C-alpha atoms as a PDB file:
ATOM      1  CA  MET A   1     -26.762 -65.940-141.989  1.00  0.00           C
ATOM      2  CA  GLN A   2     -26.742 -68.660-139.363  1.00  0.00           C
ATOM      3  CA  ILE A   3     -29.741 -71.105-139.238  1.00  0.00           C
ATOM      4  CA  LYS A   4     -30.898 -71.597-135.678  1.00  0.00           C
ATOM      5  CA  PRO A   5     -31.789 -75.048-134.534  1.00  0.00           C
ATOM      6  CA  SER A   6     -35.551 -76.011-133.936  1.00  0.00           C
ATOM      7  CA  PHE A   7     -37.144 -76.116-130.693  1.00  0.00           C
ATOM      8  CA  LEU A   8     -39.597 -78.868-130.740  1.00  0.00           C
ATOM      9  CA  ILE A   9     -42.742 -79.022-128.437  1.00  0.00           C
ATOM     10  CA  THR A  10     -44.684 -82.547-128.410  1.00  0.00           C
ATOM     11  CA  ILE A  11     -48.032 -82.695-126.369  1.00  0.00           C
ATOM     12  CA  ASP A  12     -49.257 -86.216-125.963  1.00  0.00           C
ATOM     13  CA  THR A  13     -52.842 -85.067-125.927  1.00  0.00           C
ATOM     14  CA  GLU A  14     -55.090 -87.813-123.811  1.00  0.00           C
ATOM     15  CA  GLY A  15     -57.594 -88.131-121.396  1.00  0.00           C
ATOM     16  CA  ASP A  16     -57.099 -87.022-117.649  1.00  0.00           C
ATOM     17  CA  ASN A  17     -54.699 -88.799-115.557  1.00  0.00           C
ATOM     18  CA  LEU A  18     -54.389 -92.065-117.428  1.00  0.00           C
ATOM     19  CA  TRP A  19     -51.547 -93.002-114.925  1.00  0.00           C
ATOM     20  CA  SER A  20     -54.557 -94.181-112.495  1.00  0.00           C
ATOM     21  CA  ARG A  21     -55.888 -96.290-114.960  1.00  0.00           C
ATOM     22  CA  PRO A  22     -59.182 -94.949-114.745  1.00  0.00           C
ATOM     23  CA  ARG A  23     -62.211 -97.280-116.052  1.00  0.00           C
ATOM     24  CA  ILE A  24     -63.840 -94.152-117.768  1.00  0.00           C
ATOM     25  CA  THR A  25     -61.652 -91.622-119.362  1.00  0.00           C
ATOM     26  CA  THR A  26     -62.686 -87.909-119.172  1.00  0.00           C
ATOM     27  CA  THR A  27     -61.055 -85.172-121.245  1.00  0.00           C
ATOM     28  CA  GLU A  28     -61.399 -82.221-118.916  1.00  0.00           C
ATOM     29  CA  ASN A  29     -57.804 -81.100-119.452  1.00  0.00           C
ATOM     30  CA  ALA A  30     -58.953 -79.981-122.866  1.00  0.00           C
ATOM     31  CA  ALA A  31     -59.992 -76.651-121.449  1.00  0.00           C
ATOM     32  CA  TYR A  32     -56.572 -76.270-119.879  1.00  0.00           C
ATOM     33  CA  LEU A  33     -54.547 -76.147-123.452  1.00  0.00           C
ATOM     34  CA  LEU A  34     -55.086 -72.893-124.507  1.00  0.00           C
ATOM     35  CA  ARG A  35     -53.193 -71.191-122.009  1.00  0.00           C
ATOM     36  CA  PHE A  36     -50.515 -73.269-122.934  1.00  0.00           C
ATOM     37  CA  GLN A  37     -50.696 -72.423-126.431  1.00  0.00           C
ATOM     38  CA  ASN A  38     -50.754 -69.028-125.643  1.00  0.00           C
ATOM     39  CA  LEU A  39     -47.682 -69.132-123.981  1.00  0.00           C
ATOM     40  CA  CYS A  40     -45.967 -70.971-126.949  1.00  0.00           C
ATOM     41  CA  GLU A  41     -47.260 -68.311-129.037  1.00  0.00           C
ATOM     42  CA  LYS A  42     -45.632 -65.661-126.983  1.00  0.00           C
ATOM     43  CA  TYR A  43     -42.297 -66.933-127.581  1.00  0.00           C
ATOM     44  CA  GLY A  44     -43.201 -67.928-131.326  1.00  0.00           C
ATOM     45  CA  LEU A  45     -43.029 -71.530-130.564  1.00  0.00           C
ATOM     46  CA  LYS A  46     -45.387 -74.078-132.119  1.00  0.00           C
ATOM     47  CA  PRO A  47     -46.606 -77.319-130.396  1.00  0.00           C
ATOM     48  CA  THR A  48     -47.221 -80.530-132.267  1.00  0.00           C
ATOM     49  CA  TYR A  49     -50.547 -81.955-130.368  1.00  0.00           C
ATOM     50  CA  LEU A  50     -50.259 -85.668-130.801  1.00  0.00           C
ATOM     51  CA  THR A  51     -53.871 -86.615-130.362  1.00  0.00           C
ATOM     52  CA  ASN A  52     -55.495 -89.905-129.345  1.00  0.00           C
ATOM     53  CA  TYR A  53     -58.829 -91.252-129.732  1.00  0.00           C
ATOM     54  CA  GLU A  54     -60.771 -89.806-126.400  1.00  0.00           C
ATOM     55  CA  MET A  55     -58.860 -86.377-126.788  1.00  0.00           C
ATOM     56  CA  ALA A  56     -59.766 -86.202-130.562  1.00  0.00           C
ATOM     57  CA  SER A  57     -63.645 -86.665-129.355  1.00  0.00           C
ATOM     58  CA  SER A  58     -63.514 -83.388-127.306  1.00  0.00           C
ATOM     59  CA  SER A  59     -65.304 -80.601-128.805  1.00  0.00           C
ATOM     60  CA  VAL A  60     -63.249 -78.280-126.798  1.00  0.00           C
ATOM     61  CA  PHE A  61     -60.102 -79.513-127.974  1.00  0.00           C
ATOM     62  CA  GLN A  62     -61.663 -79.600-131.805  1.00  0.00           C
ATOM     63  CA  LYS A  63     -62.367 -76.112-131.742  1.00  0.00           C
ATOM     64  CA  MET A  64     -58.850 -75.205-130.590  1.00  0.00           C
ATOM     65  CA  GLY A  65     -57.115 -77.720-133.023  1.00  0.00           C
ATOM     66  CA  LYS A  66     -58.950 -76.281-135.895  1.00  0.00           C
ATOM     67  CA  ASP A  67     -58.047 -72.693-134.869  1.00  0.00           C
ATOM     68  CA  ILE A  68     -54.241 -73.976-134.694  1.00  0.00           C
ATOM     69  CA  ILE A  69     -54.299 -75.339-138.209  1.00  0.00           C
ATOM     70  CA  LYS A  70     -55.985 -72.172-139.475  1.00  0.00           C
ATOM     71  CA  ARG A  71     -53.549 -69.842-138.166  1.00  0.00           C
ATOM     72  CA  ARG A  72     -50.822 -72.255-138.678  1.00  0.00           C
ATOM     73  CA  THR A  73     -49.549 -71.907-134.718  1.00  0.00           C
ATOM     74  CA  GLY A  74     -49.247 -75.702-134.444  1.00  0.00           C
ATOM     75  CA  GLU A  75     -49.816 -79.016-135.747  1.00  0.00           C
ATOM     76  CA  ILE A  76     -51.885 -82.019-135.025  1.00  0.00           C
ATOM     77  CA  GLY A  77     -50.611 -85.495-135.199  1.00  0.00           C
ATOM     78  CA  MET A  78     -51.410 -89.077-134.052  1.00  0.00           C
ATOM     79  CA  HIS A  79     -51.118 -90.738-130.648  1.00  0.00           C
ATOM     80  CA  LEU A  80     -52.503 -94.415-130.218  1.00  0.00           C
ATOM     81  CA  HIS A  81     -53.454 -96.046-127.084  1.00  0.00           C
ATOM     82  CA  ALA A  82     -54.580 -99.463-128.399  1.00  0.00           C
ATOM     83  CA  TRP A  83     -56.581-100.306-125.408  1.00  0.00           C
ATOM     84  CA  ASP A  84     -59.323 -98.465-125.449  1.00  0.00           C
ATOM     85  CA  MET A  85     -60.399 -97.541-129.112  1.00  0.00           C
ATOM     86  CA  PRO A  86     -61.949 -99.591-131.812  1.00  0.00           C
ATOM     87  CA  PRO A  87     -61.771-102.191-133.037  1.00  0.00           C
ATOM     88  CA  VAL A  88     -62.524-103.870-129.549  1.00  0.00           C
ATOM     89  CA  PHE A  89     -60.189-106.541-129.735  1.00  0.00           C
ATOM     90  CA  LYS A  90     -59.673-108.533-125.804  1.00  0.00           C
ATOM     91  CA  LEU A  91     -56.125-109.111-125.604  1.00  0.00           C
ATOM     92  CA  THR A  92     -55.852-109.335-121.674  1.00  0.00           C
ATOM     93  CA  GLU A  93     -58.234-110.517-119.119  1.00  0.00           C
ATOM     94  CA  ASP A  94     -58.449-106.588-118.545  1.00  0.00           C
ATOM     95  CA  ASP A  95     -57.192-104.302-120.883  1.00  0.00           C
ATOM     96  CA  VAL A  96     -58.078-101.197-119.263  1.00  0.00           C
ATOM     97  CA  ARG A  97     -56.000-102.242-116.295  1.00  0.00           C
ATOM     98  CA  PHE A  98     -52.981-103.597-118.130  1.00  0.00           C
ATOM     99  CA  HIS A  99     -52.806-101.100-120.961  1.00  0.00           C
ATOM    100  CA  PRO A 100     -51.520-103.336-123.579  1.00  0.00           C
ATOM    101  CA  TYR A 101     -49.162-101.931-126.136  1.00  0.00           C
ATOM    102  CA  LEU A 102     -50.224-101.504-129.896  1.00  0.00           C
ATOM    103  CA  ILE A 103     -47.183-103.926-130.657  1.00  0.00           C
ATOM    104  CA  GLU A 104     -48.517-106.617-128.794  1.00  0.00           C
ATOM    105  CA  TYR A 105     -51.678-106.943-130.975  1.00  0.00           C
ATOM    106  CA  PRO A 106     -52.025-109.030-134.026  1.00  0.00           C
ATOM    107  CA  GLU A 107     -50.772-106.872-137.342  1.00  0.00           C
ATOM    108  CA  LYS A 108     -54.313-107.058-138.879  1.00  0.00           C
ATOM    109  CA  VAL A 109     -55.570-105.390-135.410  1.00  0.00           C
ATOM    110  CA  MET A 110     -52.946-103.011-135.455  1.00  0.00           C
ATOM    111  CA  ARG A 111     -53.400-101.820-138.974  1.00  0.00           C
ATOM    112  CA  GLN A 112     -57.180-101.416-138.462  1.00  0.00           C
ATOM    113  CA  LYS A 113     -56.523 -98.987-135.434  1.00  0.00           C
ATOM    114  CA  ILE A 114     -53.974 -97.097-137.196  1.00  0.00           C
ATOM    115  CA  GLU A 115     -56.597 -96.570-140.001  1.00  0.00           C
ATOM    116  CA  ILE A 116     -59.544 -95.735-137.910  1.00  0.00           C
ATOM    117  CA  MET A 117     -57.280 -93.261-135.939  1.00  0.00           C
ATOM    118  CA  THR A 118     -55.526 -91.539-138.845  1.00  0.00           C
ATOM    119  CA  ASP A 119     -59.099 -91.173-140.451  1.00  0.00           C
ATOM    120  CA  ARG A 120     -60.980 -89.786-137.707  1.00  0.00           C
ATOM    121  CA  LEU A 121     -58.085 -87.044-137.228  1.00  0.00           C
ATOM    122  CA  GLU A 122     -58.029 -86.328-140.782  1.00  0.00           C
ATOM    123  CA  ASN A 123     -61.702 -86.245-141.059  1.00  0.00           C
ATOM    124  CA  LEU A 124     -61.763 -83.807-137.997  1.00  0.00           C
ATOM    125  CA  PHE A 125     -59.199 -81.765-138.829  1.00  0.00           C
ATOM    126  CA  GLY A 126     -59.078 -81.413-142.439  1.00  0.00           C
ATOM    127  CA  VAL A 127     -55.393 -82.333-142.986  1.00  0.00           C
ATOM    128  CA  LYS A 128     -53.288 -85.114-143.667  1.00  0.00           C
ATOM    129  CA  MET A 129     -52.037 -86.829-140.566  1.00  0.00           C
ATOM    130  CA  LEU A 130     -47.872 -86.857-140.733  1.00  0.00           C
ATOM    131  CA  SER A 131     -46.521 -86.971-137.156  1.00  0.00           C
ATOM    132  CA  HIS A 132     -46.781 -89.738-135.119  1.00  0.00           C
ATOM    133  CA  ARG A 133     -45.832 -90.915-131.493  1.00  0.00           C
ATOM    134  CA  ALA A 134     -46.631 -94.236-129.936  1.00  0.00           C
ATOM    135  CA  GLY A 135     -48.915 -94.679-126.946  1.00  0.00           C
ATOM    136  CA  ARG A 136     -46.587 -95.764-123.891  1.00  0.00           C
ATOM    137  CA  TRP A 137     -43.502 -95.099-126.036  1.00  0.00           C
ATOM    138  CA  SER A 138     -43.597 -98.829-127.752  1.00  0.00           C
ATOM    139  CA  PHE A 139     -42.687 -99.157-131.227  1.00  0.00           C
ATOM    140  CA  ASP A 140     -41.248-101.597-133.537  1.00  0.00           C
ATOM    141  CA  GLU A 141     -40.559-102.299-137.255  1.00  0.00           C
ATOM    142  CA  ARG A 142     -44.175-103.851-137.810  1.00  0.00           C
ATOM    143  CA  TYR A 143     -45.408-100.335-136.401  1.00  0.00           C
ATOM    144  CA  ALA A 144     -43.334 -98.334-138.526  1.00  0.00           C
ATOM    145  CA  LYS A 145     -44.286-100.461-141.691  1.00  0.00           C
ATOM    146  CA  LEU A 146     -47.760 -99.691-140.969  1.00  0.00           C
ATOM    147  CA  LEU A 147     -47.032 -95.851-140.445  1.00  0.00           C
ATOM    148  CA  ILE A 148     -45.390 -95.511-143.793  1.00  0.00           C
ATOM    149  CA  GLU A 149     -48.235 -97.473-145.654  1.00  0.00           C
ATOM    150  CA  PHE A 150     -50.895 -94.697-143.932  1.00  0.00           C
ATOM    151  CA  GLY A 151     -48.342 -91.925-145.240  1.00  0.00           C
ATOM    152  CA  TYR A 152     -46.698 -90.658-142.031  1.00  0.00           C
ATOM    153  CA  LYS A 153     -43.725 -88.852-142.596  1.00  0.00           C
ATOM    154  CA  VAL A 154     -42.245 -88.384-138.908  1.00  0.00           C
ATOM    155  CA  ASP A 155     -42.326 -90.543-135.611  1.00  0.00           C
ATOM    156  CA  CYS A 156     -40.933 -89.149-132.350  1.00  0.00           C
ATOM    157  CA  SER A 157     -41.447 -92.452-130.096  1.00  0.00           C
ATOM    158  CA  VAL A 158     -37.707 -93.103-129.278  1.00  0.00           C
ATOM    159  CA  THR A 159     -36.632 -91.773-126.132  1.00  0.00           C
ATOM    160  CA  PRO A 160     -32.415 -92.614-126.091  1.00  0.00           C
ATOM    161  CA  HIS A 161     -30.844 -94.118-122.951  1.00  0.00           C
ATOM    162  CA  ILE A 162     -34.165 -95.386-121.967  1.00  0.00           C
ATOM    163  CA  SER A 163     -35.532 -99.009-121.914  1.00  0.00           C
ATOM    164  CA  TRP A 164     -39.418 -99.607-121.337  1.00  0.00           C
ATOM    165  CA  GLU A 165     -39.039-103.402-120.799  1.00  0.00           C
ATOM    166  CA  SER A 166     -39.640-103.127-117.360  1.00  0.00           C
ATOM    167  CA  GLN A 167     -43.236-101.447-118.152  1.00  0.00           C
ATOM    168  CA  GLN A 168     -45.543-103.941-118.940  1.00  0.00           C
ATOM    169  CA  GLY A 169     -48.422-104.303-121.033  1.00  0.00           C
ATOM    170  CA  ASP A 170     -49.998-107.594-121.629  1.00  0.00           C
ATOM    171  CA  PRO A 171     -48.562-109.379-118.467  1.00  0.00           C
ATOM    172  CA  GLN A 172     -47.797-112.555-120.631  1.00  0.00           C
ATOM    173  CA  LYS A 173     -45.410-110.600-123.164  1.00  0.00           C
ATOM    174  CA  LYS A 174     -42.063-108.862-122.307  1.00  0.00           C
ATOM    175  CA  GLY A 175     -42.945-105.185-122.172  1.00  0.00           C
ATOM    176  CA  GLY A 176     -41.943-102.201-123.718  1.00  0.00           C
ATOM    177  CA  THR A 177     -39.289-101.214-126.299  1.00  0.00           C
ATOM    178  CA  ASP A 178     -35.653-101.042-125.454  1.00  0.00           C
ATOM    179  CA  TYR A 179     -34.374 -97.664-127.029  1.00  0.00           C
ATOM    180  CA  THR A 180     -30.577 -97.783-124.860  1.00  0.00           C
ATOM    181  CA  LYS A 181     -28.854 -98.202-128.354  1.00  0.00           C
ATOM    182  CA  PHE A 182     -30.778 -96.143-130.246  1.00  0.00           C
ATOM    183  CA  PRO A 183     -29.449 -92.826-131.998  1.00  0.00           C
ATOM    184  CA  GLU A 184     -29.917 -89.530-130.152  1.00  0.00           C
ATOM    185  CA  ASN A 185     -30.385 -87.402-133.050  1.00  0.00           C
ATOM    186  CA  ALA A 186     -32.957 -87.453-136.096  1.00  0.00           C
ATOM    187  CA  TYR A 187     -32.501 -90.284-138.707  1.00  0.00           C
ATOM    188  CA  PHE A 188     -34.435 -91.935-141.628  1.00  0.00           C
ATOM    189  CA  ILE A 189     -34.926 -95.250-140.394  1.00  0.00           C
ATOM    190  CA  ASP A 190     -34.533 -98.799-141.811  1.00  0.00           C
ATOM    191  CA  PRO A 191     -37.728-100.316-141.748  1.00  0.00           C
ATOM    192  CA  LEU A 192     -35.950-103.782-141.107  1.00  0.00           C
ATOM    193  CA  ASP A 193     -34.426-102.201-137.986  1.00  0.00           C
ATOM    194  CA  ILE A 194     -35.840 -99.025-136.463  1.00  0.00           C
ATOM    195  CA  SER A 195     -32.516 -98.674-134.289  1.00  0.00           C
ATOM    196  CA  CYS A 196     -30.424 -98.012-137.432  1.00  0.00           C
ATOM    197  CA  PRO A 197     -30.520 -95.109-140.142  1.00  0.00           C
ATOM    198  CA  GLY A 198     -31.731 -96.524-143.232  1.00  0.00           C
ATOM    199  CA  ASN A 199     -32.937 -95.596-146.870  1.00  0.00           C
ATOM    200  CA  SER A 200     -36.653 -95.023-146.044  1.00  0.00           C
ATOM    201  CA  ALA A 201     -38.128 -91.621-146.071  1.00  0.00           C
ATOM    202  CA  PHE A 202     -39.925 -91.837-142.716  1.00  0.00           C
ATOM    203  CA  LEU A 203     -37.720 -89.514-140.314  1.00  0.00           C
ATOM    204  CA  GLU A 204     -37.266 -90.511-136.527  1.00  0.00           C
ATOM    205  CA  ILE A 205     -37.026 -87.535-134.014  1.00  0.00           C
ATOM    206  CA  PRO A 206     -35.856 -88.909-130.942  1.00  0.00           C
ATOM    207  CA  VAL A 207     -36.910 -87.209-127.647  1.00  0.00           C
ATOM    208  CA  SER A 208     -34.025 -85.238-126.105  1.00  0.00           C
ATOM    209  CA  VAL A 209     -32.774 -87.101-123.294  1.00  0.00           C
ATOM    210  CA  ASN A 210     -29.198 -86.566-121.931  1.00  0.00           C
ATOM    211  CA  ASN A 211     -27.030 -89.272-120.112  1.00  0.00           C
ATOM    212  CA  LYS A 212     -23.984 -88.607-119.055  1.00  0.00           C
ATOM    213  CA  PHE A 213     -22.616 -92.291-117.763  1.00  0.00           C
ATOM    214  CA  ALA A 214     -24.043 -94.683-120.813  1.00  0.00           C
ATOM    215  CA  LEU A 215     -22.059 -97.811-119.355  1.00  0.00           C
ATOM    216  CA  ILE A 216     -23.927 -97.765-116.002  1.00  0.00           C
ATOM    217  CA  ASN A 217     -27.130 -97.167-117.990  1.00  0.00           C
ATOM    218  CA  ASN A 218     -26.505-100.056-120.251  1.00  0.00           C
ATOM    219  CA  LEU A 219     -25.898-102.166-117.346  1.00  0.00           C
ATOM    220  CA  ALA A 220     -29.026-101.181-115.271  1.00  0.00           C
ATOM    221  CA  SER A 221     -31.058-101.548-118.591  1.00  0.00           C
ATOM    222  CA  SER A 222     -29.935-105.310-119.279  1.00  0.00           C
ATOM    223  CA  PRO A 223     -32.497-108.010-119.201  1.00  0.00           C
ATOM    224  CA  ILE A 224     -31.171-109.370-116.055  1.00  0.00           C
ATOM    225  CA  PHE A 225     -31.417-106.168-113.983  1.00  0.00           C
ATOM    226  CA  SER A 226     -34.006-104.029-115.719  1.00  0.00           C
ATOM    227  CA  ARG A 227     -36.464-105.456-113.621  1.00  0.00           C
ATOM    228  CA  ILE A 228     -35.042-105.007-110.092  1.00  0.00           C
ATOM    229  CA  VAL A 229     -36.126-101.771-108.599  1.00  0.00           C
ATOM    230  CA  LEU A 230     -33.125-101.305-106.487  1.00  0.00           C
ATOM    231  CA  VAL A 231     -30.736-101.376-109.747  1.00  0.00           C
ATOM    232  CA  ARG A 232     -33.020 -98.810-111.235  1.00  0.00           C
ATOM    233  CA  LYS A 233     -32.910 -96.470-108.405  1.00  0.00           C
ATOM    234  CA  ILE A 234     -29.048 -96.871-108.431  1.00  0.00           C
ATOM    235  CA  SER A 235     -28.847 -95.986-112.040  1.00  0.00           C
ATOM    236  CA  ASN A 236     -30.937 -92.984-111.889  1.00  0.00           C
ATOM    237  CA  HIS A 237     -29.049 -91.863-108.888  1.00  0.00           C
ATOM    238  CA  PHE A 238     -25.505 -92.370-110.443  1.00  0.00           C
ATOM    239  CA  SER A 239     -26.530 -92.153-114.011  1.00  0.00           C
ATOM    240  CA  PRO A 240     -29.718 -89.495-114.311  1.00  0.00           C
ATOM    241  CA  LYS A 241     -31.092 -89.271-117.565  1.00  0.00           C
ATOM    242  CA  PHE A 242     -32.189 -85.880-118.258  1.00  0.00           C
ATOM    243  CA  TRP A 243     -35.364 -85.199-120.218  1.00  0.00           C
ATOM    244  CA  LEU A 244     -36.491 -82.110-121.679  1.00  0.00           C
ATOM    245  CA  ARG A 245     -39.666 -82.612-119.737  1.00  0.00           C
ATOM    246  CA  PRO A 246     -40.829 -80.770-117.053  1.00  0.00           C
ATOM    247  CA  ASN A 247     -41.193 -82.389-113.458  1.00  0.00           C
ATOM    248  CA  GLY A 248     -41.680 -79.112-111.060  1.00  0.00           C
ATOM    249  CA  GLU A 249     -38.297 -79.675-110.175  1.00  0.00           C
ATOM    250  CA  ASN A 250     -35.603 -79.837-113.199  1.00  0.00           C
ATOM    251  CA  LEU A 251     -35.753 -76.301-114.741  1.00  0.00           C
ATOM    252  CA  LYS A 252     -31.983 -76.036-114.176  1.00  0.00           C
ATOM    253  CA  GLN A 253     -31.197 -79.360-116.157  1.00  0.00           C
ATOM    254  CA  MET A 254     -33.593 -78.401-118.945  1.00  0.00           C
ATOM    255  CA  LEU A 255     -31.822 -75.210-119.369  1.00  0.00           C
ATOM    256  CA  GLY A 256     -28.680 -77.223-119.186  1.00  0.00           C
ATOM    257  CA  CYS A 257     -30.099 -79.134-122.194  1.00  0.00           C
ATOM    258  CA  LEU A 258     -30.623 -75.966-124.389  1.00  0.00           C
ATOM    259  CA  LYS A 259     -26.962 -75.061-123.468  1.00  0.00           C
ATOM    260  CA  ASN A 260     -25.388 -78.385-124.066  1.00  0.00           C
ATOM    261  CA  ALA A 261     -27.509 -78.546-127.446  1.00  0.00           C
ATOM    262  CA  THR A 262     -26.098 -75.176-128.440  1.00  0.00           C
ATOM    263  CA  ALA A 263     -22.487 -76.017-127.674  1.00  0.00           C
ATOM    264  CA  SER A 264     -22.547 -79.340-129.341  1.00  0.00           C
ATOM    265  CA  LYS A 265     -24.578 -77.920-132.635  1.00  0.00           C
ATOM    266  CA  ARG A 266     -27.218 -80.013-132.494  1.00  0.00           C
ATOM    267  CA  ASP A 267     -29.883 -79.168-134.745  1.00  0.00           C
ATOM    268  CA  TYR A 268     -33.013 -79.455-132.873  1.00  0.00           C
ATOM    269  CA  VAL A 269     -34.105 -80.128-129.117  1.00  0.00           C
ATOM    270  CA  GLU A 270     -37.429 -81.806-128.384  1.00  0.00           C
ATOM    271  CA  PHE A 271     -39.764 -80.950-125.304  1.00  0.00           C
ATOM    272  CA  MET A 272     -42.443 -83.472-124.334  1.00  0.00           C
ATOM    273  CA  LEU A 273     -45.270 -83.467-121.817  1.00  0.00           C
ATOM    274  CA  HIS A 274     -48.825 -84.651-121.370  1.00  0.00           C
ATOM    275  CA  SER A 275     -51.801 -82.545-121.846  1.00  0.00           C
ATOM    276  CA  SER A 276     -53.313 -83.576-118.543  1.00  0.00           C
ATOM    277  CA  GLU A 277     -50.059 -82.211-117.017  1.00  0.00           C
ATOM    278  CA  LEU A 278     -51.509 -78.770-117.613  1.00  0.00           C
ATOM    279  CA  MET A 279     -54.627 -79.542-115.227  1.00  0.00           C
ATOM    280  CA  PRO A 280     -54.384 -79.656-111.269  1.00  0.00           C
ATOM    281  CA  GLY A 281     -55.085 -83.413-110.627  1.00  0.00           C
ATOM    282  CA  GLY A 282     -54.370 -84.418-114.235  1.00  0.00           C
ATOM    283  CA  SER A 283     -51.143 -86.246-113.590  1.00  0.00           C
ATOM    284  CA  PRO A 284     -49.383 -87.547-110.436  1.00  0.00           C
ATOM    285  CA  LYS A 285     -46.886 -84.767-110.397  1.00  0.00           C
ATOM    286  CA  PHE A 286     -49.063 -81.736-110.743  1.00  0.00           C
ATOM    287  CA  LYS A 287     -51.888 -82.398-108.405  1.00  0.00           C
ATOM    288  CA  SER A 288     -52.411 -78.861-107.089  1.00  0.00           C
ATOM    289  CA  GLU A 289     -53.321 -75.475-108.485  1.00  0.00           C
ATOM    290  CA  SER A 290     -50.245 -74.311-106.824  1.00  0.00           C
ATOM    291  CA  SER A 291     -48.010 -77.040-108.653  1.00  0.00           C
ATOM    292  CA  ILE A 292     -49.483 -76.080-111.872  1.00  0.00           C
ATOM    293  CA  GLU A 293     -48.491 -72.218-111.325  1.00  0.00           C
ATOM    294  CA  HIS A 294     -45.192 -73.487-110.654  1.00  0.00           C
ATOM    295  CA  LEU A 295     -44.915 -75.213-113.549  1.00  0.00           C
ATOM    296  CA  TYR A 296     -45.918 -72.477-115.910  1.00  0.00           C
ATOM    297  CA  VAL A 297     -43.200 -70.495-113.900  1.00  0.00           C
ATOM    298  CA  CYS A 298     -40.562 -72.893-115.240  1.00  0.00           C
ATOM    299  CA  LEU A 299     -42.269 -73.166-118.817  1.00  0.00           C
ATOM    300  CA  GLU A 300     -42.064 -69.111-119.056  1.00  0.00           C
ATOM    301  CA  ASN A 301     -38.362 -69.345-118.268  1.00  0.00           C
ATOM    302  CA  LEU A 302     -37.568 -72.214-120.486  1.00  0.00           C
ATOM    303  CA  PHE A 303     -39.498 -71.018-123.417  1.00  0.00           C
ATOM    304  CA  LYS A 304     -38.199 -67.605-123.017  1.00  0.00           C
ATOM    305  CA  GLU A 305     -34.388 -69.093-122.880  1.00  0.00           C
ATOM    306  CA  ALA A 306     -35.242 -71.121-126.011  1.00  0.00           C
ATOM    307  CA  SER A 307     -36.608 -68.376-128.365  1.00  0.00           C
ATOM    308  CA  LEU A 308     -33.161 -66.574-127.940  1.00  0.00           C
ATOM    309  CA  ASN A 309     -31.309 -69.465-129.730  1.00  0.00           C
ATOM    310  CA  PHE A 310     -33.874 -71.420-131.254  1.00  0.00           C
ATOM    311  CA  THR A 311     -36.519 -71.389-133.966  1.00  0.00           C
ATOM    312  CA  GLY A 312     -40.032 -72.682-132.976  1.00  0.00           C
ATOM    313  CA  SER A 313     -40.857 -75.707-135.262  1.00  0.00           C
ATOM    314  CA  THR A 314     -43.826 -78.347-135.658  1.00  0.00           C
ATOM    315  CA  LEU A 315     -42.436 -81.786-136.179  1.00  0.00           C
ATOM    316  CA  PHE A 316     -43.582 -81.792-140.024  1.00  0.00           C
ATOM    317  CA  GLU A 317     -41.696 -78.189-140.326  1.00  0.00           C
ATOM    318  CA  TYR A 318     -38.756 -79.873-138.916  1.00  0.00           C
ATOM    319  CA  TYR A 319     -39.093 -82.554-141.348  1.00  0.00           C
ATOM    320  CA  ILE A 320     -39.127 -80.277-144.113  1.00  0.00           C
ATOM    321  CA  LYS A 321     -35.958 -78.457-143.077  1.00  0.00           C
ATOM    322  CA  PHE A 322     -34.282 -81.725-142.574  1.00  0.00           C
ATOM    323  CA  THR A 323     -35.013 -82.845-145.744  1.00  0.00           C
ATOM    324  CA  GLY A 324     -34.807 -79.638-147.529  1.00  0.00           C
ATOM    325  CA  ASN A 325     -37.916 -80.216-149.518  1.00  0.00           C
ATOM    326  CA  LEU A 326     -39.652 -77.114-149.502  1.00  0.00           C
ATOM    327  CA  ASN A 327     -42.554 -78.542-151.611  1.00  0.00           C
ATOM    328  CA  GLU A 328     -44.021 -80.743-148.877  1.00  0.00           C
ATOM    329  CA  ARG A 329     -46.734 -79.326-147.461  1.00  0.00           C
ATOM    330  CA  GLN A 330     -49.549 -80.446-144.949  1.00  0.00           C
ATOM    331  CA  TYR A 331     -52.039 -77.781-145.156  1.00  0.00           C
END
């Protein structure tokens, strides 16, 4: 019997419309997640909710998360936004405005924030935190080492073919992580160079990002050109990077991602979305109720198609499948 590839759903579970950089963060989008969870369960899919500090404080999300864990219909993982969680450490003149990356903080502060976030989630949900995604996608070797120290098994911060160097955190530093030369498939990382496979037991599961013209992409992502808006626009036009990430207009491309994965015999695809994108006005792309309804039409079509040729798995369930270690357990 042939084993089906895994369909992984990762949700950055965080406050409302953080793209607008609000001075006070709200979590109204927690009330909109049950509809999404029910849709996933309809097609046998299991989301991993990568949860940050403010969402961990939401009683609405806490109730849903505990129910998901009890019924084993999803997973809770960790997502860390460094600028608005304890311990307080002023990195820039206005951290709420700049949203500095965790990797821009001193290592001592990084460790403290990871410890506080991990303890908070484990105490709330009563399970070991094993899966993680970095806030604003930025990851490095120090970060990986600390996650291994705290017992994490899986990271999903890598976005192949994409550089975040033009996206600033601390304006005095170099921006986000460049993933243009990172692998597309899952691999155990080398803690000394997270872009390379190594001998650790820490599994990187890159997000599904397809790129047809790597040469153009590499040129546009180079330090010389990456900050030039026109070059980035030309790159995106002639060398589009297709994410398994809905934007309201890309159902055809997402269905193509599933077909390409099946044809190339990949053993997983990884979908991502932010929790606030499921609420009207919770993000720049989905501002109205009608845009949310259209999003759900796309999700229904995508998930229905995925259920035919893929198996729904959480990140840690995929880790067990990848390693073949059936003795590993979260619950």
